[in-house]
Amino acid sequence: MAYRDLLYDVRDQIARVTINRPKQYNAFTGDTLREMTLAIESAGADPEVGVVVLTGAGDKAFCAGGDVNWEKEGGLER
């Protein structure tokens, strides 16, 4: 599956789910949350995965929380 807000990689029985929005300090939107759910479900269904690591891209922040611009535009109500 192609993700817009995430990077997903499986290597050596480790699934790495990386929030890939470094310019927004990896703040999440509804799309990001949906993609994380799909990635983690995919890892859970893969018999080759023993561990899931959740991380953030860039070197400034793991995740700043919810993207306030997305929330201002209606957030989860959309």
N, C-alpha and C. Protein backbone atom coordinates (compact mmCIF):
# COMPACT_ATOMS: atom_id res chain seq x y z
N MET A 1 0.84 -1.19 0.00
CA MET A 1 0.00 0.00 0.00
C MET A 1 0.88 1.24 0.00
N ALA A 2 0.48 2.25 -0.73
CA ALA A 2 1.19 3.53 -0.76
C ALA A 2 0.57 4.46 0.29
N TYR A 3 1.42 5.05 1.09
CA TYR A 3 0.97 5.97 2.13
C TYR A 3 1.41 7.38 1.77
N ARG A 4 0.62 8.36 2.15
CA ARG A 4 0.97 9.76 1.91
C ARG A 4 1.70 10.37 3.11
N ASP A 5 1.26 10.04 4.31
CA ASP A 5 1.82 10.65 5.52
C ASP A 5 2.78 9.74 6.27
N LEU A 6 2.96 8.52 5.81
CA LEU A 6 3.80 7.56 6.51
C LEU A 6 4.83 6.94 5.59
N LEU A 7 5.87 6.41 6.21
CA LEU A 7 6.78 5.48 5.56
C LEU A 7 6.59 4.16 6.29
N TYR A 8 6.54 3.06 5.54
CA TYR A 8 6.33 1.74 6.14
C TYR A 8 7.35 0.79 5.54
N ASP A 9 8.08 0.12 6.41
CA ASP A 9 9.15 -0.77 5.96
C ASP A 9 9.20 -1.97 6.88
N VAL A 10 9.37 -3.15 6.30
CA VAL A 10 9.56 -4.37 7.10
C VAL A 10 10.92 -4.95 6.73
N ARG A 11 11.74 -5.13 7.76
CA ARG A 11 13.05 -5.71 7.57
C ARG A 11 13.46 -6.42 8.86
N ASP A 12 13.99 -7.61 8.73
CA ASP A 12 14.47 -8.38 9.89
C ASP A 12 13.39 -8.55 10.95
N GLN A 13 12.17 -8.83 10.53
CA GLN A 13 11.00 -9.06 11.40
C GLN A 13 10.56 -7.82 12.17
N ILE A 14 11.04 -6.65 11.73
CA ILE A 14 10.67 -5.39 12.38
C ILE A 14 9.93 -4.53 11.37
N ALA A 15 8.70 -4.14 11.72
CA ALA A 15 7.94 -3.19 10.90
C ALA A 15 8.19 -1.81 11.46
N ARG A 16 8.68 -0.91 10.62
CA ARG A 16 8.91 0.47 11.02
C ARG A 16 7.84 1.35 10.40
N VAL A 17 7.07 2.02 11.26
CA VAL A 17 6.03 2.94 10.83
C VAL A 17 6.55 4.33 11.19
N THR A 18 6.83 5.15 10.18
CA THR A 18 7.42 6.47 10.40
C THR A 18 6.43 7.54 9.96
N ILE A 19 6.04 8.40 10.89
CA ILE A 19 5.21 9.55 10.53
C ILE A 19 6.10 10.47 9.71
N ASN A 20 5.71 10.76 8.49
CA ASN A 20 6.58 11.47 7.55
C ASN A 20 6.02 12.85 7.21
N ARG A 21 5.93 13.69 8.24
CA ARG A 21 5.49 15.08 8.06
C ARG A 21 6.43 15.99 8.86
N PRO A 22 7.75 15.90 8.57
CA PRO A 22 8.71 16.63 9.41
C PRO A 22 8.54 18.14 9.40
N LYS A 23 8.07 18.73 8.30
CA LYS A 23 7.88 20.18 8.27
C LYS A 23 6.79 20.63 9.24
N GLN A 24 5.85 19.71 9.56
CA GLN A 24 4.79 19.99 10.53
C GLN A 24 5.11 19.32 11.87
N TYR A 25 6.38 19.01 12.09
CA TYR A 25 6.82 18.32 13.31
C TYR A 25 6.04 17.03 13.53
N ASN A 26 5.70 16.38 12.40
CA ASN A 26 4.99 15.11 12.39
C ASN A 26 3.63 15.16 13.09
N ALA A 27 3.04 16.36 13.12
CA ALA A 27 1.69 16.49 13.66
C ALA A 27 0.75 15.68 12.77
N PHE A 28 -0.21 15.01 13.39
CA PHE A 28 -1.08 14.11 12.63
C PHE A 28 -2.40 14.75 12.24
N THR A 29 -2.93 14.24 11.13
CA THR A 29 -4.27 14.61 10.67
C THR A 29 -5.12 13.34 10.70
N GLY A 30 -6.35 13.45 10.31
CA GLY A 30 -7.20 12.26 10.21
C GLY A 30 -6.63 11.26 9.23
N ASP A 31 -6.07 11.75 8.11
CA ASP A 31 -5.44 10.85 7.14
C ASP A 31 -4.27 10.11 7.76
N THR A 32 -3.47 10.82 8.54
CA THR A 32 -2.33 10.18 9.20
C THR A 32 -2.81 9.07 10.13
N LEU A 33 -3.85 9.35 10.91
CA LEU A 33 -4.38 8.35 11.84
C LEU A 33 -4.93 7.12 11.10
N ARG A 34 -5.63 7.36 10.00
CA ARG A 34 -6.15 6.25 9.20
C ARG A 34 -5.00 5.41 8.63
N GLU A 35 -3.96 6.09 8.13
CA GLU A 35 -2.82 5.38 7.58
C GLU A 35 -2.10 4.59 8.67
N MET A 36 -1.95 5.17 9.87
CA MET A 36 -1.30 4.43 10.97
C MET A 36 -2.09 3.18 11.32
N THR A 37 -3.41 3.31 11.35
CA THR A 37 -4.25 2.15 11.64
C THR A 37 -4.04 1.06 10.60
N LEU A 38 -4.04 1.43 9.32
CA LEU A 38 -3.82 0.44 8.26
C LEU A 38 -2.44 -0.19 8.34
N ALA A 39 -1.42 0.62 8.62
CA ALA A 39 -0.05 0.10 8.70
C ALA A 39 0.09 -0.88 9.87
N ILE A 40 -0.47 -0.54 11.01
CA ILE A 40 -0.36 -1.42 12.18
C ILE A 40 -1.17 -2.69 11.97
N GLU A 41 -2.35 -2.57 11.35
CA GLU A 41 -3.14 -3.77 11.03
C GLU A 41 -2.38 -4.66 10.04
N SER A 42 -1.72 -4.05 9.07
CA SER A 42 -0.93 -4.80 8.10
C SER A 42 0.21 -5.53 8.79
N ALA A 43 0.89 -4.86 9.68
CA ALA A 43 1.99 -5.49 10.42
C ALA A 43 1.46 -6.64 11.28
N GLY A 44 0.31 -6.44 11.91
CA GLY A 44 -0.28 -7.48 12.75
C GLY A 44 -0.69 -8.71 11.98
N ALA A 45 -1.03 -8.53 10.72
CA ALA A 45 -1.45 -9.67 9.89
C ALA A 45 -0.28 -10.35 9.19
N ASP A 46 0.89 -9.77 9.27
CA ASP A 46 2.07 -10.30 8.58
C ASP A 46 2.82 -11.25 9.50
N PRO A 47 2.89 -12.55 9.18
CA PRO A 47 3.58 -13.51 10.04
C PRO A 47 5.09 -13.26 10.11
N GLU A 48 5.62 -12.45 9.21
CA GLU A 48 7.05 -12.14 9.22
C GLU A 48 7.40 -10.99 10.17
N VAL A 49 6.39 -10.34 10.75
CA VAL A 49 6.62 -9.21 11.64
C VAL A 49 6.50 -9.66 13.09
N GLY A 50 7.53 -9.38 13.88
CA GLY A 50 7.51 -9.69 15.30
C GLY A 50 7.42 -8.46 16.17
N VAL A 51 7.82 -7.30 15.61
CA VAL A 51 7.88 -6.06 16.38
C VAL A 51 7.45 -4.91 15.47
N VAL A 52 6.73 -3.94 16.05
CA VAL A 52 6.37 -2.72 15.33
C VAL A 52 7.03 -1.55 16.06
N VAL A 53 7.76 -0.73 15.31
CA VAL A 53 8.39 0.46 15.85
C VAL A 53 7.70 1.66 15.23
N LEU A 54 7.20 2.57 16.07
CA LEU A 54 6.58 3.80 15.61
C LEU A 54 7.55 4.94 15.86
N THR A 55 7.85 5.71 14.80
CA THR A 55 8.82 6.79 14.92
C THR A 55 8.39 7.97 14.07
N GLY A 56 9.13 9.06 14.15
CA GLY A 56 8.84 10.25 13.36
C GLY A 56 10.03 10.64 12.51
N ALA A 57 9.77 11.17 11.32
CA ALA A 57 10.83 11.60 10.42
C ALA A 57 11.44 12.91 10.89
N GLY A 58 12.66 13.17 10.45
CA GLY A 58 13.34 14.42 10.80
C GLY A 58 14.05 14.32 12.13
N ASP A 59 14.62 15.44 12.53
CA ASP A 59 15.41 15.43 13.77
C ASP A 59 14.92 16.44 14.81
N LYS A 60 13.71 16.99 14.59
CA LYS A 60 13.20 18.00 15.52
C LYS A 60 12.14 17.48 16.48
N ALA A 61 11.30 16.51 16.03
CA ALA A 61 10.21 16.06 16.89
C ALA A 61 9.74 14.67 16.48
N PHE A 62 9.37 13.87 17.49
CA PHE A 62 8.73 12.59 17.19
C PHE A 62 7.34 12.86 16.61
N CYS A 63 6.51 13.60 17.37
CA CYS A 63 5.16 13.95 16.93
C CYS A 63 4.65 15.07 17.82
N ALA A 64 4.23 16.15 17.19
CA ALA A 64 3.76 17.31 17.94
C ALA A 64 2.31 17.17 18.40
N GLY A 65 1.65 16.06 18.03
CA GLY A 65 0.25 15.88 18.38
C GLY A 65 -0.63 16.17 17.18
N GLY A 66 -1.84 16.61 17.42
CA GLY A 66 -2.77 16.90 16.33
C GLY A 66 -2.38 18.17 15.59
N ASP A 67 -2.50 18.14 14.29
CA ASP A 67 -2.20 19.30 13.45
C ASP A 67 -3.29 20.35 13.67
N VAL A 68 -2.94 21.48 14.27
CA VAL A 68 -3.94 22.48 14.62
C VAL A 68 -4.62 23.07 13.38
N ASN A 69 -3.93 23.14 12.26
CA ASN A 69 -4.57 23.63 11.04
C ASN A 69 -5.66 22.67 10.58
N TRP A 70 -5.39 21.38 10.66
CA TRP A 70 -6.39 20.37 10.31
C TRP A 70 -7.56 20.43 11.28
N GLU A 71 -7.26 20.56 12.58
CA GLU A 71 -8.32 20.64 13.59
C GLU A 71 -9.18 21.89 13.38
N LYS A 72 -8.54 23.00 13.03
CA LYS A 72 -9.25 24.25 12.79
C LYS A 72 -10.23 24.12 11.61
N GLU A 73 -9.87 23.27 10.64
CA GLU A 73 -10.71 23.06 9.46
C GLU A 73 -11.80 22.02 9.68
N GLY A 74 -11.96 21.52 10.88
CA GLY A 74 -13.04 20.59 11.17
C GLY A 74 -12.57 19.27 11.74
N GLY A 75 -11.30 18.97 11.61
CA GLY A 75 -10.72 17.77 12.21
C GLY A 75 -11.49 16.51 11.93
N LEU A 76 -11.79 15.76 12.97
CA LEU A 76 -12.47 14.46 12.84
C LEU A 76 -13.93 14.58 12.43
N GLU A 77 -14.48 15.79 12.46
CA GLU A 77 -15.87 15.96 12.06
C GLU A 77 -16.07 15.74 10.57
N ARG A 78 -14.98 15.83 9.80
CA ARG A 78 -15.08 15.64 8.36
C ARG A 78 -15.24 14.20 7.99
